[in-house]
Amino acid sequence: MKIERRKKLTANVALLGVGHYTYWEQFDGPYVNFVIENNVIMIDQWHGITLMGAVDCKVINNTVVDPDPETRTGPCWIMVRGTKQDSKSVSGSIVRNNITPGISKEDTGDTLFENNLLIKGMSREELNTLFVDFNNRDLRLKEGSKAIDAGSNVDALKIDVLKHSRPKGNGIDVGAYESF
């Protein structure tokens, strides 16, 4: 079995839309010390970010959304879990400060989940209270968004996906963008 180690995926914007496959999916690891941070992923499939066999991985400050949350199967999620062959092959991972419709917590071992903003079931109108213009795929945080200052400083980058410094306010914002 090949072991993937110390990979980093930082500050990418992937607006995939309808009919595309997952942006970041890794099945049947193990994946050791992977860091996935400050990414914006818009996908109409279940696996927004998936790491199976995650050992000491970090998934921090990502924005993962469905382009059409009201009319599709799903929603997309963040998943950190054991492999298909060994459900216990996950340990020491962190999922923090993400905006996502869902987080799959099946076979997650001692994975730490904290300060994530779940948006499953939100309408486009509700999503536009979080983001500048969800309908036109502008996923920067809108003034007054509940994601502002709602994150943890632990392990968070000092810049956001646009290379703006963070935090701007009283704390780190949840998701890939720091409010401006």
Protein backbone atom coordinates (compact mmCIF):
# COMPACT_ATOMS: atom_id res chain seq x y z
CA MET A 1 0.00 0.00 0.00
CA LYS A 2 1.35 3.42 -0.95
CA ILE A 3 1.36 5.96 1.87
CA GLU A 4 0.93 9.60 0.83
CA ARG A 5 2.66 12.02 3.20
CA ARG A 6 2.86 15.75 3.87
CA LYS A 7 0.76 17.13 1.03
CA LYS A 8 -0.60 20.64 1.13
CA LEU A 9 -3.50 22.13 -0.81
CA THR A 10 -3.83 25.83 -0.05
CA ALA A 11 -5.65 28.87 -1.49
CA ASN A 12 -7.43 27.39 -4.50
CA VAL A 13 -10.77 28.42 -5.97
CA ALA A 14 -12.67 25.64 -7.74
CA LEU A 15 -16.13 26.61 -8.94
CA LEU A 16 -16.99 23.34 -10.65
CA GLY A 17 -20.73 23.66 -11.10
CA VAL A 18 -23.07 20.97 -12.33
CA GLY A 19 -21.86 17.65 -13.72
CA HIS A 20 -18.29 17.64 -12.45
CA TYR A 21 -16.67 15.20 -10.11
CA THR A 22 -15.18 15.95 -6.76
CA TYR A 23 -12.53 18.57 -6.33
CA TRP A 24 -10.48 16.98 -3.58
CA GLU A 25 -11.22 13.34 -2.91
CA GLN A 26 -8.74 10.78 -1.74
CA PHE A 27 -10.02 7.28 -1.19
CA ASP A 28 -8.23 4.38 0.46
CA GLY A 29 -5.21 6.17 1.93
CA PRO A 30 -3.52 6.33 4.32
CA TYR A 31 -2.87 10.03 3.93
CA VAL A 32 -0.44 11.30 6.51
CA ASN A 33 0.00 14.97 7.48
CA PHE A 34 -2.13 16.35 4.64
CA VAL A 35 -3.14 20.00 5.03
CA ILE A 36 -6.15 21.34 3.11
CA GLU A 37 -6.70 25.01 3.96
CA ASN A 38 -8.14 28.25 2.58
CA ASN A 39 -9.82 26.63 -0.44
CA VAL A 40 -13.13 27.60 -2.05
CA ILE A 41 -14.94 24.60 -3.51
CA MET A 42 -18.30 24.77 -5.25
CA ILE A 43 -19.39 21.29 -6.32
CA ASP A 44 -22.62 19.45 -7.03
CA GLN A 45 -21.37 16.07 -5.81
CA TRP A 46 -21.20 14.64 -2.29
CA HIS A 47 -17.43 14.72 -1.85
CA GLY A 48 -16.35 18.35 -1.53
CA ILE A 49 -13.28 17.33 0.49
CA THR A 50 -12.78 13.65 1.30
CA LEU A 51 -9.78 12.01 2.97
CA MET A 52 -10.11 8.30 3.78
CA GLY A 53 -7.38 6.89 5.96
CA ALA A 54 -6.51 10.32 7.33
CA VAL A 55 -3.67 10.35 9.87
CA ASP A 56 -2.71 13.70 11.44
CA CYS A 57 -4.43 15.67 8.64
CA LYS A 58 -5.79 19.21 8.88
CA VAL A 59 -8.82 20.57 7.01
CA ILE A 60 -8.98 24.22 8.04
CA ASN A 61 -10.74 27.39 6.81
CA ASN A 62 -12.30 26.02 3.63
CA THR A 63 -15.56 27.13 2.01
CA VAL A 64 -17.36 24.13 0.48
CA VAL A 65 -20.76 24.82 -1.11
CA ASP A 66 -23.28 23.33 -3.51
CA PRO A 67 -23.99 25.60 -6.53
CA ASP A 68 -27.70 24.75 -6.43
CA PRO A 69 -28.59 23.78 -2.86
CA GLU A 70 -32.33 23.62 -3.49
CA THR A 71 -32.51 21.18 -6.42
CA ARG A 72 -29.94 18.39 -6.19
CA THR A 73 -29.01 15.21 -4.42
CA GLY A 74 -26.39 15.49 -1.77
CA PRO A 75 -25.33 17.92 -0.33
CA CYS A 76 -21.55 18.11 -0.65
CA TRP A 77 -19.59 17.50 2.54
CA ILE A 78 -16.25 17.32 4.24
CA MET A 79 -15.32 13.75 5.13
CA VAL A 80 -12.30 12.57 7.12
CA ARG A 81 -12.54 8.89 8.00
CA GLY A 82 -10.98 5.45 7.84
CA THR A 83 -10.50 3.60 4.57
CA LYS A 84 -13.05 1.26 3.05
CA GLN A 85 -10.87 -1.68 4.11
CA ASP A 86 -10.08 -0.44 7.64
CA SER A 87 -12.58 1.88 9.29
CA LYS A 88 -10.16 2.41 12.21
CA SER A 89 -7.36 3.78 9.98
CA VAL A 90 -7.99 7.40 10.95
CA SER A 91 -6.34 9.29 13.81
CA GLY A 92 -5.18 12.68 15.00
CA SER A 93 -6.94 14.75 12.33
CA ILE A 94 -8.57 18.18 12.68
CA VAL A 95 -11.55 19.68 10.82
CA ARG A 96 -11.85 23.32 11.91
CA ASN A 97 -13.23 26.69 10.75
CA ASN A 98 -14.93 25.40 7.59
CA ILE A 99 -18.19 26.45 5.93
CA THR A 100 -19.90 23.38 4.48
CA PRO A 101 -23.36 21.87 4.04
CA GLY A 102 -22.27 18.75 5.86
CA ILE A 103 -19.56 16.92 7.74
CA SER A 104 -19.54 13.16 7.59
CA LYS A 105 -18.63 11.81 11.03
CA GLU A 106 -18.78 8.08 10.29
CA ASP A 107 -15.69 6.14 11.43
CA THR A 108 -13.76 9.30 12.37
CA GLY A 109 -11.70 7.94 15.26
CA ASP A 110 -10.35 10.78 17.39
CA THR A 111 -10.78 13.45 14.69
CA LEU A 112 -11.44 16.86 16.24
CA PHE A 113 -14.35 18.81 14.70
CA GLU A 114 -14.73 22.41 15.87
CA ASN A 115 -15.86 25.86 14.81
CA ASN A 116 -17.43 24.61 11.55
CA LEU A 117 -20.47 26.42 10.15
CA LEU A 118 -22.97 23.93 8.70
CA ILE A 119 -25.19 25.35 5.97
CA LYS A 120 -27.19 22.25 4.98
CA GLY A 121 -30.78 23.07 4.11
CA MET A 122 -30.18 26.80 3.68
CA SER A 123 -32.00 28.43 0.77
CA ARG A 124 -30.28 30.75 -1.71
CA GLU A 125 -31.87 33.66 0.14
CA GLU A 126 -30.39 32.47 3.43
CA LEU A 127 -26.98 31.85 1.81
CA ASN A 128 -27.02 35.43 0.58
CA THR A 129 -27.05 36.55 4.24
CA LEU A 130 -23.65 34.81 4.64
CA PHE A 131 -22.01 35.59 1.30
CA VAL A 132 -21.69 38.77 -0.77
CA ASP A 133 -23.60 37.23 -3.72
CA PHE A 134 -24.13 33.47 -3.59
CA ASN A 135 -26.25 33.47 -6.76
CA ASN A 136 -23.31 34.91 -8.76
CA ARG A 137 -20.72 32.76 -6.94
CA ASP A 138 -19.19 35.55 -4.89
CA LEU A 139 -18.50 33.64 -1.68
CA ARG A 140 -16.71 36.39 0.21
CA LEU A 141 -18.33 37.05 3.56
CA LYS A 142 -21.08 39.63 3.67
CA GLU A 143 -21.06 42.27 6.39
CA GLY A 144 -22.95 40.83 9.36
CA SER A 145 -22.38 37.21 8.30
CA LYS A 146 -22.45 34.75 11.20
CA ALA A 147 -19.12 33.36 9.91
CA ILE A 148 -17.31 36.59 10.86
CA ASP A 149 -15.09 36.25 13.96
CA ALA A 150 -16.58 32.76 14.60
CA GLY A 151 -13.39 30.75 14.01
CA SER A 152 -10.48 29.59 16.11
CA ASN A 153 -6.97 31.02 15.73
CA VAL A 154 -5.44 27.58 16.37
CA ASP A 155 -3.61 26.37 13.22
CA ALA A 156 -5.27 29.06 11.06
CA LEU A 157 -3.19 30.76 8.40
CA LYS A 158 -2.45 34.44 8.86
CA ILE A 159 -3.82 35.13 5.35
CA ASP A 160 -7.03 34.14 3.55
CA VAL A 161 -7.54 32.75 0.05
CA LEU A 162 -7.06 36.26 -1.45
CA LYS A 163 -3.91 36.80 0.64
CA HIS A 164 -5.62 39.34 2.92
CA SER A 165 -4.30 39.27 6.46
CA ARG A 166 -6.37 37.64 9.16
CA PRO A 167 -7.86 38.27 11.56
CA LYS A 168 -9.39 41.62 10.60
CA GLY A 169 -11.81 41.83 13.52
CA ASN A 170 -11.95 40.21 16.94
CA GLY A 171 -11.14 36.75 15.60
CA ILE A 172 -10.55 34.51 12.61
CA ASP A 173 -13.50 34.20 10.25
CA VAL A 174 -14.85 30.76 9.38
CA GLY A 175 -14.26 29.71 5.76
CA ALA A 176 -11.64 30.64 3.17
CA TYR A 177 -12.32 34.39 3.14
CA GLU A 178 -11.62 36.91 5.87
CA SER A 179 -14.22 39.68 5.89
CA PHE A 180 -13.09 43.01 4.51
